[in-house]
């Protein structure tokens, strides 16, 4: 009987005995019920019907002032009305977090109605050219000392609440 026949018959030779005693490397899999990091929990969470309605209604109302001409309202006013309608719907129905809505409003103002806008904010009207603000003016409102004071107070209050200091 050859060595190959002995191996197949269940009688290990010295070469196969050495490999049989070597430990097998076992891959450990992450349990399927392991908790996800908080950021991934929020990102993978399904949208509620209220959030879906908020997205759709917000975007539809955002587009209405661009499609329908509002009498007595200049081009920058129509753009600001669109931003206002979007902000109201997003704040009420919360399809995105409130802070993200606030940042979105500022971003849309810079993109749509500042002098660095993606389209002419005056609509070609030379009389409105003096009313268009630079983009820096929109961002300057965020650096107001009163706003910074409120933000600092909110951060301290959040920290006190998080660590239970507000209960003492």
N, C-alpha and C. Protein backbone atom coordinates (compact mmCIF):
# COMPACT_ATOMS: atom_id res chain seq x y z
N UNK A 1 0.85 -1.17 0.00
CA UNK A 1 0.00 0.00 0.00
C UNK A 1 0.90 1.23 0.00
N UNK A 2 0.62 2.18 -0.88
CA UNK A 2 1.46 3.37 -0.98
C UNK A 2 1.06 4.39 0.09
N UNK A 3 1.85 5.48 0.20
CA UNK A 3 1.57 6.52 1.19
C UNK A 3 0.27 7.24 0.87
N UNK A 4 -0.02 7.40 -0.44
CA UNK A 4 -1.26 8.07 -0.84
C UNK A 4 -2.46 7.22 -0.48
N UNK A 5 -2.33 5.93 -0.67
CA UNK A 5 -3.43 5.03 -0.33
C UNK A 5 -3.63 4.98 1.17
N UNK A 6 -2.53 5.06 1.93
CA UNK A 6 -2.65 5.06 3.39
C UNK A 6 -3.33 6.32 3.87
N UNK A 7 -3.07 7.46 3.21
CA UNK A 7 -3.70 8.71 3.61
C UNK A 7 -5.19 8.66 3.34
N UNK A 8 -5.57 8.11 2.19
CA UNK A 8 -6.98 8.07 1.86
C UNK A 8 -7.72 7.03 2.67
N UNK A 9 -7.00 6.05 3.20
CA UNK A 9 -7.64 5.00 3.99
C UNK A 9 -7.83 5.43 5.43
N UNK A 10 -7.35 6.62 5.79
CA UNK A 10 -7.55 7.08 7.15
C UNK A 10 -6.35 6.86 8.04
N UNK A 11 -5.30 6.27 7.52
CA UNK A 11 -4.07 6.08 8.28
C UNK A 11 -3.12 7.22 7.93
N UNK A 12 -3.01 8.21 8.77
CA UNK A 12 -2.19 9.36 8.40
C UNK A 12 -0.71 9.02 8.40
N UNK A 13 -0.03 9.55 7.42
CA UNK A 13 1.42 9.41 7.39
C UNK A 13 2.01 10.53 8.23
N UNK A 14 3.31 10.58 8.34
CA UNK A 14 3.95 11.58 9.18
C UNK A 14 3.73 12.98 8.63
N UNK A 15 3.64 13.16 7.32
CA UNK A 15 3.44 14.48 6.72
C UNK A 15 2.04 15.01 7.02
N UNK A 16 1.05 14.17 6.90
CA UNK A 16 -0.31 14.63 7.15
C UNK A 16 -0.60 14.74 8.63
N UNK A 17 0.10 14.02 9.46
CA UNK A 17 -0.10 14.12 10.90
C UNK A 17 0.35 15.48 11.41
N UNK A 18 1.40 16.05 10.80
CA UNK A 18 1.89 17.36 11.22
C UNK A 18 0.88 18.44 10.86
N UNK A 19 0.27 18.32 9.71
CA UNK A 19 -0.71 19.33 9.31
C UNK A 19 -2.02 19.16 10.04
N UNK A 20 -2.32 17.96 10.47
CA UNK A 20 -3.57 17.73 11.18
C UNK A 20 -3.52 18.31 12.57
N UNK A 21 -2.35 18.40 13.17
CA UNK A 21 -2.26 18.95 14.53
C UNK A 21 -2.11 20.46 14.53
N UNK A 22 -1.85 21.09 13.38
CA UNK A 22 -1.73 22.54 13.34
C UNK A 22 -3.11 23.15 13.58
N UNK A 23 -3.17 24.20 14.40
CA UNK A 23 -4.48 24.80 14.69
C UNK A 23 -5.05 25.49 13.46
N UNK A 24 -6.33 25.36 13.30
CA UNK A 24 -7.02 26.02 12.19
C UNK A 24 -7.26 27.47 12.55
N UNK A 25 -7.07 28.33 11.58
CA UNK A 25 -7.35 29.73 11.81
C UNK A 25 -8.83 29.96 11.58
N UNK A 26 -9.49 30.41 12.61
CA UNK A 26 -10.92 30.63 12.53
C UNK A 26 -11.17 32.13 12.46
N UNK A 27 -11.93 32.52 11.47
CA UNK A 27 -12.31 33.93 11.37
C UNK A 27 -13.47 34.20 12.30
N UNK A 28 -13.31 35.23 13.07
CA UNK A 28 -14.42 35.62 13.94
C UNK A 28 -15.27 36.64 13.21
N UNK A 29 -16.52 36.32 13.13
CA UNK A 29 -17.44 37.25 12.50
C UNK A 29 -18.09 38.11 13.56
N UNK A 30 -18.39 39.33 13.15
CA UNK A 30 -19.09 40.23 14.04
C UNK A 30 -20.52 39.74 14.17
N UNK A 31 -21.02 39.64 15.39
CA UNK A 31 -22.41 39.18 15.54
C UNK A 31 -23.36 40.11 14.79
N UNK A 32 -24.38 39.52 14.22
CA UNK A 32 -25.33 40.32 13.44
C UNK A 32 -26.14 41.26 14.31
N UNK A 33 -26.26 40.96 15.59
CA UNK A 33 -27.04 41.82 16.48
C UNK A 33 -26.16 42.80 17.24
N UNK A 34 -24.89 42.96 16.84
CA UNK A 34 -24.00 43.91 17.51
C UNK A 34 -24.50 45.32 17.26
N UNK A 35 -24.44 46.19 18.26
CA UNK A 35 -24.93 47.55 18.06
C UNK A 35 -24.04 48.33 17.09
N UNK A 36 -24.67 49.15 16.27
CA UNK A 36 -23.95 49.98 15.33
C UNK A 36 -23.54 51.27 16.03
N UNK A 37 -22.50 51.92 15.53
CA UNK A 37 -22.14 53.23 16.08
C UNK A 37 -23.31 54.19 15.90
N UNK A 38 -23.45 55.20 16.79
CA UNK A 38 -24.60 56.11 16.73
C UNK A 38 -24.77 56.81 15.38
N UNK A 39 -23.68 57.17 14.74
CA UNK A 39 -23.81 57.85 13.45
C UNK A 39 -24.44 56.94 12.42
N UNK A 40 -24.02 55.67 12.41
CA UNK A 40 -24.59 54.73 11.45
C UNK A 40 -26.04 54.40 11.76
N UNK A 41 -26.41 54.42 13.05
CA UNK A 41 -27.80 54.16 13.39
C UNK A 41 -28.69 55.23 12.79
N UNK A 42 -28.26 56.49 12.87
CA UNK A 42 -29.06 57.57 12.32
C UNK A 42 -29.06 57.53 10.80
N UNK A 43 -27.93 57.17 10.20
CA UNK A 43 -27.84 57.18 8.74
C UNK A 43 -28.65 56.05 8.11
N UNK A 44 -28.75 54.92 8.80
CA UNK A 44 -29.46 53.78 8.23
C UNK A 44 -30.91 53.71 8.66
N UNK A 45 -31.33 54.63 9.49
CA UNK A 45 -32.71 54.63 9.95
C UNK A 45 -33.63 55.00 8.78
N UNK A 46 -34.71 54.28 8.63
CA UNK A 46 -35.65 54.54 7.54
C UNK A 46 -36.38 55.85 7.79
N UNK A 47 -36.73 56.51 6.72
CA UNK A 47 -37.48 57.76 6.84
C UNK A 47 -38.92 57.46 7.21
N UNK A 48 -39.44 58.28 8.09
CA UNK A 48 -40.84 58.13 8.46
C UNK A 48 -41.71 58.78 7.38
N UNK A 49 -42.99 58.44 7.35
CA UNK A 49 -43.88 59.09 6.36
C UNK A 49 -43.92 60.61 6.53
N UNK A 50 -43.83 61.08 7.77
CA UNK A 50 -43.82 62.53 8.03
C UNK A 50 -42.59 63.18 7.38
N UNK A 51 -41.44 62.51 7.45
CA UNK A 51 -40.23 63.05 6.85
C UNK A 51 -40.31 63.05 5.33
N UNK A 52 -40.88 62.01 4.77
CA UNK A 52 -41.03 61.94 3.31
C UNK A 52 -41.95 63.05 2.82
N UNK A 53 -43.07 63.25 3.52
CA UNK A 53 -43.99 64.34 3.18
C UNK A 53 -43.27 65.68 3.31
N UNK A 54 -42.45 65.83 4.35
CA UNK A 54 -41.70 67.07 4.54
C UNK A 54 -40.75 67.36 3.40
N UNK A 55 -40.02 66.34 2.94
CA UNK A 55 -39.12 66.52 1.80
C UNK A 55 -39.88 66.94 0.56
N UNK A 56 -40.92 66.19 0.23
CA UNK A 56 -41.66 66.45 -1.01
C UNK A 56 -42.35 67.81 -0.95
N UNK A 57 -43.06 68.08 0.14
CA UNK A 57 -43.76 69.35 0.26
C UNK A 57 -42.79 70.53 0.28
N UNK A 58 -41.68 70.38 0.98
CA UNK A 58 -40.68 71.44 1.03
C UNK A 58 -40.11 71.75 -0.34
N UNK A 59 -39.78 70.72 -1.09
CA UNK A 59 -39.21 70.95 -2.42
C UNK A 59 -40.23 71.52 -3.39
N UNK A 60 -41.48 71.06 -3.29
CA UNK A 60 -42.53 71.61 -4.17
C UNK A 60 -42.76 73.09 -3.86
N UNK A 61 -42.89 73.42 -2.57
CA UNK A 61 -43.10 74.82 -2.21
C UNK A 61 -41.88 75.68 -2.52
N UNK A 62 -40.69 75.09 -2.48
CA UNK A 62 -39.48 75.82 -2.85
C UNK A 62 -39.50 76.19 -4.33
N UNK A 63 -40.04 75.32 -5.17
CA UNK A 63 -40.06 75.57 -6.61
C UNK A 63 -41.20 76.49 -7.06
N UNK A 64 -42.26 76.60 -6.27
CA UNK A 64 -43.42 77.39 -6.68
C UNK A 64 -43.06 78.84 -7.01
N UNK A 65 -42.33 79.59 -6.17
CA UNK A 65 -42.02 80.98 -6.54
C UNK A 65 -41.15 81.11 -7.79
N UNK A 66 -40.42 80.07 -8.15
CA UNK A 66 -39.63 80.12 -9.38
C UNK A 66 -40.50 79.89 -10.61
N UNK A 67 -41.58 79.15 -10.44
CA UNK A 67 -42.46 78.82 -11.57
C UNK A 67 -43.56 79.87 -11.73
N UNK A 68 -44.19 80.24 -10.62
CA UNK A 68 -45.30 81.19 -10.63
C UNK A 68 -44.76 82.58 -10.35
N UNK A 69 -45.09 83.53 -11.21
CA UNK A 69 -44.64 84.91 -11.00
C UNK A 69 -45.52 85.56 -9.94
N UNK A 70 -44.89 86.00 -8.86
CA UNK A 70 -45.62 86.66 -7.78
C UNK A 70 -45.71 88.15 -8.12
N UNK A 71 -46.94 88.70 -8.29
CA UNK A 71 -47.06 90.11 -8.67
C UNK A 71 -46.53 91.04 -7.58
N UNK A 72 -45.78 92.04 -8.02
CA UNK A 72 -45.26 93.04 -7.09
C UNK A 72 -44.02 92.60 -6.34
N UNK A 73 -43.47 91.46 -6.69
CA UNK A 73 -42.29 90.95 -6.00
C UNK A 73 -41.15 90.79 -7.01
N UNK A 74 -40.03 91.43 -6.72
CA UNK A 74 -38.88 91.36 -7.63
C UNK A 74 -38.23 89.98 -7.55
N UNK A 75 -37.28 89.75 -8.44
CA UNK A 75 -36.59 88.45 -8.51
C UNK A 75 -35.94 88.05 -7.18
N UNK A 76 -35.19 88.94 -6.50
CA UNK A 76 -34.63 88.52 -5.21
C UNK A 76 -35.70 88.20 -4.17
N UNK A 77 -36.82 88.90 -4.23
CA UNK A 77 -37.91 88.62 -3.31
C UNK A 77 -38.53 87.25 -3.54
N UNK A 78 -38.66 86.88 -4.81
CA UNK A 78 -39.20 85.55 -5.13
C UNK A 78 -38.25 84.45 -4.65
N UNK A 79 -36.97 84.68 -4.81
CA UNK A 79 -36.00 83.70 -4.32
C UNK A 79 -36.04 83.59 -2.80
N UNK A 80 -36.16 84.73 -2.14
CA UNK A 80 -36.24 84.70 -0.67
C UNK A 80 -37.53 84.03 -0.21
N UNK A 81 -38.62 84.24 -0.94
CA UNK A 81 -39.88 83.57 -0.62
C UNK A 81 -39.73 82.05 -0.75
N UNK A 82 -39.02 81.61 -1.78
CA UNK A 82 -38.79 80.17 -1.96
C UNK A 82 -38.00 79.60 -0.78
N UNK A 83 -36.96 80.31 -0.36
CA UNK A 83 -36.16 79.86 0.79
C UNK A 83 -37.01 79.84 2.05
N UNK A 84 -37.83 80.87 2.23
CA UNK A 84 -38.70 80.96 3.41
C UNK A 84 -39.68 79.79 3.46
N UNK A 85 -40.32 79.48 2.33
CA UNK A 85 -41.28 78.37 2.31
C UNK A 85 -40.60 77.03 2.61
N UNK A 86 -39.42 76.84 2.04
CA UNK A 86 -38.68 75.61 2.31
C UNK A 86 -38.32 75.51 3.79
N UNK A 87 -37.85 76.61 4.37
CA UNK A 87 -37.45 76.60 5.78
C UNK A 87 -38.64 76.32 6.69
N UNK A 88 -39.78 76.92 6.41
CA UNK A 88 -40.97 76.70 7.25
C UNK A 88 -41.36 75.23 7.24
N UNK A 89 -41.43 74.63 6.05
CA UNK A 89 -41.83 73.22 5.96
C UNK A 89 -40.80 72.32 6.63
N UNK A 90 -39.52 72.61 6.41
CA UNK A 90 -38.47 71.78 7.01
C UNK A 90 -38.43 71.93 8.52
N UNK A 91 -38.74 73.11 9.05
CA UNK A 91 -38.75 73.28 10.51
C UNK A 91 -39.97 72.62 11.14
N UNK A 92 -41.09 72.64 10.46
CA UNK A 92 -42.31 72.07 11.03
C UNK A 92 -42.31 70.54 10.94
N UNK A 93 -41.97 70.00 9.77
CA UNK A 93 -42.06 68.55 9.56
C UNK A 93 -40.75 67.81 9.82
N UNK A 94 -39.65 68.52 9.97
CA UNK A 94 -38.33 67.99 10.30
C UNK A 94 -37.89 66.79 9.45
N UNK A 95 -37.84 66.94 8.12
CA UNK A 95 -37.26 65.85 7.33
C UNK A 95 -35.75 65.74 7.53
N UNK A 96 -35.13 66.85 7.91
CA UNK A 96 -33.72 66.85 8.30
C UNK A 96 -33.65 67.55 9.66
N UNK A 97 -32.57 67.36 10.42
CA UNK A 97 -32.48 68.01 11.73
C UNK A 97 -32.60 69.54 11.63
N UNK A 98 -33.08 70.15 12.70
CA UNK A 98 -33.31 71.60 12.70
C UNK A 98 -32.03 72.38 12.43
N UNK A 99 -30.92 71.94 12.99
CA UNK A 99 -29.67 72.65 12.77
C UNK A 99 -29.24 72.57 11.30
N UNK A 100 -29.48 71.45 10.67
CA UNK A 100 -29.15 71.31 9.25
C UNK A 100 -30.04 72.22 8.40
N UNK A 101 -31.29 72.39 8.82
CA UNK A 101 -32.18 73.30 8.11
C UNK A 101 -31.68 74.74 8.22
N UNK A 102 -31.22 75.12 9.41
CA UNK A 102 -30.71 76.48 9.60
C UNK A 102 -29.49 76.74 8.72
N UNK A 103 -28.59 75.77 8.63
CA UNK A 103 -27.41 75.93 7.78
C UNK A 103 -27.82 75.94 6.31
N UNK A 104 -28.80 75.13 5.95
CA UNK A 104 -29.29 75.09 4.57
C UNK A 104 -29.86 76.45 4.15
N UNK A 105 -30.57 77.11 5.05
CA UNK A 105 -31.14 78.43 4.74
C UNK A 105 -30.03 79.42 4.42
N UNK A 106 -28.99 79.44 5.24
CA UNK A 106 -27.88 80.37 4.99
C UNK A 106 -27.18 80.04 3.68
N UNK A 107 -26.97 78.76 3.44
CA UNK A 107 -26.33 78.34 2.20
C UNK A 107 -27.16 78.75 0.98
N UNK A 108 -28.47 78.56 1.05
CA UNK A 108 -29.33 78.95 -0.07
C UNK A 108 -29.35 80.46 -0.27
N UNK A 109 -29.30 81.22 0.82
CA UNK A 109 -29.24 82.68 0.67
C UNK A 109 -27.97 83.10 -0.05
N UNK A 110 -26.86 82.49 0.32
CA UNK A 110 -25.59 82.83 -0.34
C UNK A 110 -25.63 82.42 -1.81
N UNK A 111 -26.18 81.23 -2.08
CA UNK A 111 -26.20 80.74 -3.46
C UNK A 111 -27.22 81.44 -4.35
N UNK A 112 -28.31 81.91 -3.77
CA UNK A 112 -29.40 82.44 -4.60
C UNK A 112 -29.55 83.95 -4.59
N UNK A 113 -29.21 84.64 -3.50
CA UNK A 113 -29.51 86.07 -3.47
C UNK A 113 -28.34 86.98 -3.12
N UNK A 114 -27.14 86.45 -2.95
CA UNK A 114 -26.01 87.34 -2.69
C UNK A 114 -25.38 87.77 -4.01
N UNK A 115 -24.40 88.65 -3.94
CA UNK A 115 -23.75 89.10 -5.17
C UNK A 115 -22.93 87.99 -5.83
N UNK A 116 -22.59 86.97 -5.06
CA UNK A 116 -21.89 85.82 -5.62
C UNK A 116 -22.83 84.69 -5.96
N UNK A 117 -24.07 85.01 -6.25
CA UNK A 117 -25.09 83.99 -6.50
C UNK A 117 -24.81 83.23 -7.79
N UNK A 118 -25.43 82.05 -7.90
CA UNK A 118 -25.24 81.23 -9.09
C UNK A 118 -25.98 81.81 -10.30
N UNK A 119 -26.95 82.67 -10.07
CA UNK A 119 -27.65 83.37 -11.14
C UNK A 119 -27.72 84.84 -10.74
N UNK A 120 -28.00 85.70 -11.69
CA UNK A 120 -28.08 87.13 -11.40
C UNK A 120 -29.21 87.38 -10.42
N UNK A 121 -28.90 87.79 -9.18
CA UNK A 121 -29.95 87.97 -8.18
C UNK A 121 -30.89 89.13 -8.47
N UNK A 122 -30.48 90.05 -9.34
CA UNK A 122 -31.34 91.19 -9.64
C UNK A 122 -32.30 90.90 -10.77
N UNK A 123 -32.11 89.80 -11.47
CA UNK A 123 -32.98 89.49 -12.60
C UNK A 123 -32.78 90.46 -13.75
N UNK A 124 -31.60 91.09 -13.83
CA UNK A 124 -31.31 92.03 -14.89
C UNK A 124 -31.80 93.44 -14.60
N UNK A 125 -32.39 93.69 -13.45
CA UNK A 125 -32.91 95.00 -13.09
C UNK A 125 -31.78 95.82 -12.46
N UNK A 126 -31.36 96.89 -13.14
CA UNK A 126 -30.26 97.72 -12.64
C UNK A 126 -30.64 98.45 -11.36
N UNK A 127 -31.92 98.73 -11.16
CA UNK A 127 -32.36 99.44 -9.96
C UNK A 127 -32.16 98.59 -8.70
N UNK A 128 -32.15 97.27 -8.85
CA UNK A 128 -31.98 96.39 -7.69
C UNK A 128 -30.51 96.09 -7.38
N UNK A 129 -29.60 96.58 -8.22
CA UNK A 129 -28.19 96.25 -8.04
C UNK A 129 -27.65 96.73 -6.69
N UNK A 130 -28.16 97.84 -6.18
CA UNK A 130 -27.68 98.35 -4.88
C UNK A 130 -28.24 97.56 -3.71
N UNK A 131 -29.29 96.80 -3.91
CA UNK A 131 -29.91 96.07 -2.80
C UNK A 131 -29.29 94.70 -2.57
N UNK A 132 -28.44 94.24 -3.48
CA UNK A 132 -27.84 92.91 -3.35
C UNK A 132 -26.67 92.98 -2.38
N UNK A 133 -26.69 92.12 -1.38
CA UNK A 133 -25.64 92.10 -0.35
C UNK A 133 -24.52 91.15 -0.73
N UNK A 134 -23.31 91.47 -0.30
CA UNK A 134 -22.21 90.51 -0.51
C UNK A 134 -22.42 89.25 0.33
N UNK A 135 -21.86 88.15 -0.13
CA UNK A 135 -22.00 86.88 0.60
C UNK A 135 -21.42 87.00 2.00
N UNK A 136 -20.38 87.80 2.17
CA UNK A 136 -19.76 87.97 3.50
C UNK A 136 -20.75 88.55 4.51
N UNK A 137 -21.69 89.36 4.05
CA UNK A 137 -22.67 89.94 4.97
C UNK A 137 -23.61 88.88 5.54
N UNK A 138 -23.92 87.85 4.75
CA UNK A 138 -24.77 86.77 5.26
C UNK A 138 -24.03 85.97 6.33
N UNK A 139 -22.76 85.70 6.08
CA UNK A 139 -21.98 84.94 7.05
C UNK A 139 -21.60 85.79 8.26
N UNK A 140 -21.50 87.11 8.09
CA UNK A 140 -21.14 87.98 9.21
C UNK A 140 -22.19 87.94 10.30
N UNK A 141 -23.43 87.70 9.93
CA UNK A 141 -24.49 87.62 10.94
C UNK A 141 -24.25 86.46 11.90
N UNK A 142 -23.57 85.42 11.45
CA UNK A 142 -23.28 84.28 12.32
C UNK A 142 -22.18 84.59 13.32
N UNK A 143 -21.33 85.56 13.02
CA UNK A 143 -20.22 85.90 13.92
C UNK A 143 -20.57 87.05 14.85
N UNK A 144 -21.81 87.43 14.92
CA UNK A 144 -22.24 88.47 15.83
C UNK A 144 -21.94 88.03 17.26
N UNK A 145 -21.40 88.92 18.11
CA UNK A 145 -21.06 88.52 19.48
C UNK A 145 -22.25 87.98 20.28
N UNK A 146 -23.43 88.47 20.02
CA UNK A 146 -24.60 87.96 20.74
C UNK A 146 -24.88 86.51 20.35
N UNK A 147 -24.74 86.19 19.08
CA UNK A 147 -24.93 84.81 18.63
C UNK A 147 -23.90 83.90 19.27
N UNK A 148 -22.65 84.33 19.31
CA UNK A 148 -21.59 83.53 19.93
C UNK A 148 -21.88 83.33 21.42
N UNK A 149 -22.38 84.37 22.09
CA UNK A 149 -22.74 84.25 23.51
C UNK A 149 -23.84 83.21 23.71
N UNK A 150 -24.87 83.25 22.88
CA UNK A 150 -25.94 82.25 22.98
C UNK A 150 -25.42 80.84 22.71
N UNK A 151 -24.60 80.69 21.68
CA UNK A 151 -24.05 79.37 21.37
C UNK A 151 -23.22 78.83 22.53
N UNK A 152 -22.41 79.69 23.14
CA UNK A 152 -21.62 79.27 24.30
C UNK A 152 -22.52 78.84 25.45
N UNK A 153 -23.58 79.59 25.69
CA UNK A 153 -24.52 79.22 26.75
C UNK A 153 -25.21 77.90 26.47
N UNK A 154 -25.59 77.68 25.22
CA UNK A 154 -26.23 76.41 24.85
C UNK A 154 -25.27 75.25 25.04
N UNK A 155 -24.00 75.45 24.69
CA UNK A 155 -23.02 74.36 24.86
C UNK A 155 -22.80 74.03 26.33
N UNK A 156 -22.72 75.05 27.17
CA UNK A 156 -22.54 74.81 28.61
C UNK A 156 -23.78 74.11 29.18
N UNK A 157 -24.96 74.54 28.77
CA UNK A 157 -26.19 73.91 29.26
C UNK A 157 -26.28 72.46 28.80
N UNK A 158 -25.89 72.19 27.57
CA UNK A 158 -25.93 70.81 27.06
C UNK A 158 -24.95 69.93 27.83
N UNK A 159 -23.76 70.45 28.10
CA UNK A 159 -22.77 69.69 28.87
C UNK A 159 -23.25 69.43 30.29
N UNK A 160 -23.88 70.43 30.91
CA UNK A 160 -24.39 70.25 32.27
C UNK A 160 -25.51 69.21 32.29
N UNK A 161 -26.36 69.21 31.29
CA UNK A 161 -27.44 68.23 31.23
C UNK A 161 -26.90 66.83 30.95
N UNK A 162 -25.92 66.74 30.08
CA UNK A 162 -25.35 65.44 29.70
C UNK A 162 -24.71 64.74 30.89
N UNK A 163 -24.03 65.47 31.74
CA UNK A 163 -23.33 64.87 32.87
C UNK A 163 -24.10 65.00 34.19
N UNK A 164 -25.36 65.37 34.12
CA UNK A 164 -26.21 65.38 35.30
C UNK A 164 -25.98 66.53 36.25
N UNK A 165 -25.26 67.53 35.83
CA UNK A 165 -25.00 68.67 36.71
C UNK A 165 -26.22 69.56 36.88
N UNK A 166 -27.19 69.42 36.01
CA UNK A 166 -28.39 70.24 36.12
C UNK A 166 -29.34 69.72 37.19
N UNK A 167 -29.13 68.50 37.68
CA UNK A 167 -30.01 67.92 38.70
C UNK A 167 -29.57 68.24 40.12
N UNK A 168 -28.42 68.79 40.31
CA UNK A 168 -27.92 69.09 41.67
C UNK A 168 -28.34 70.45 42.14
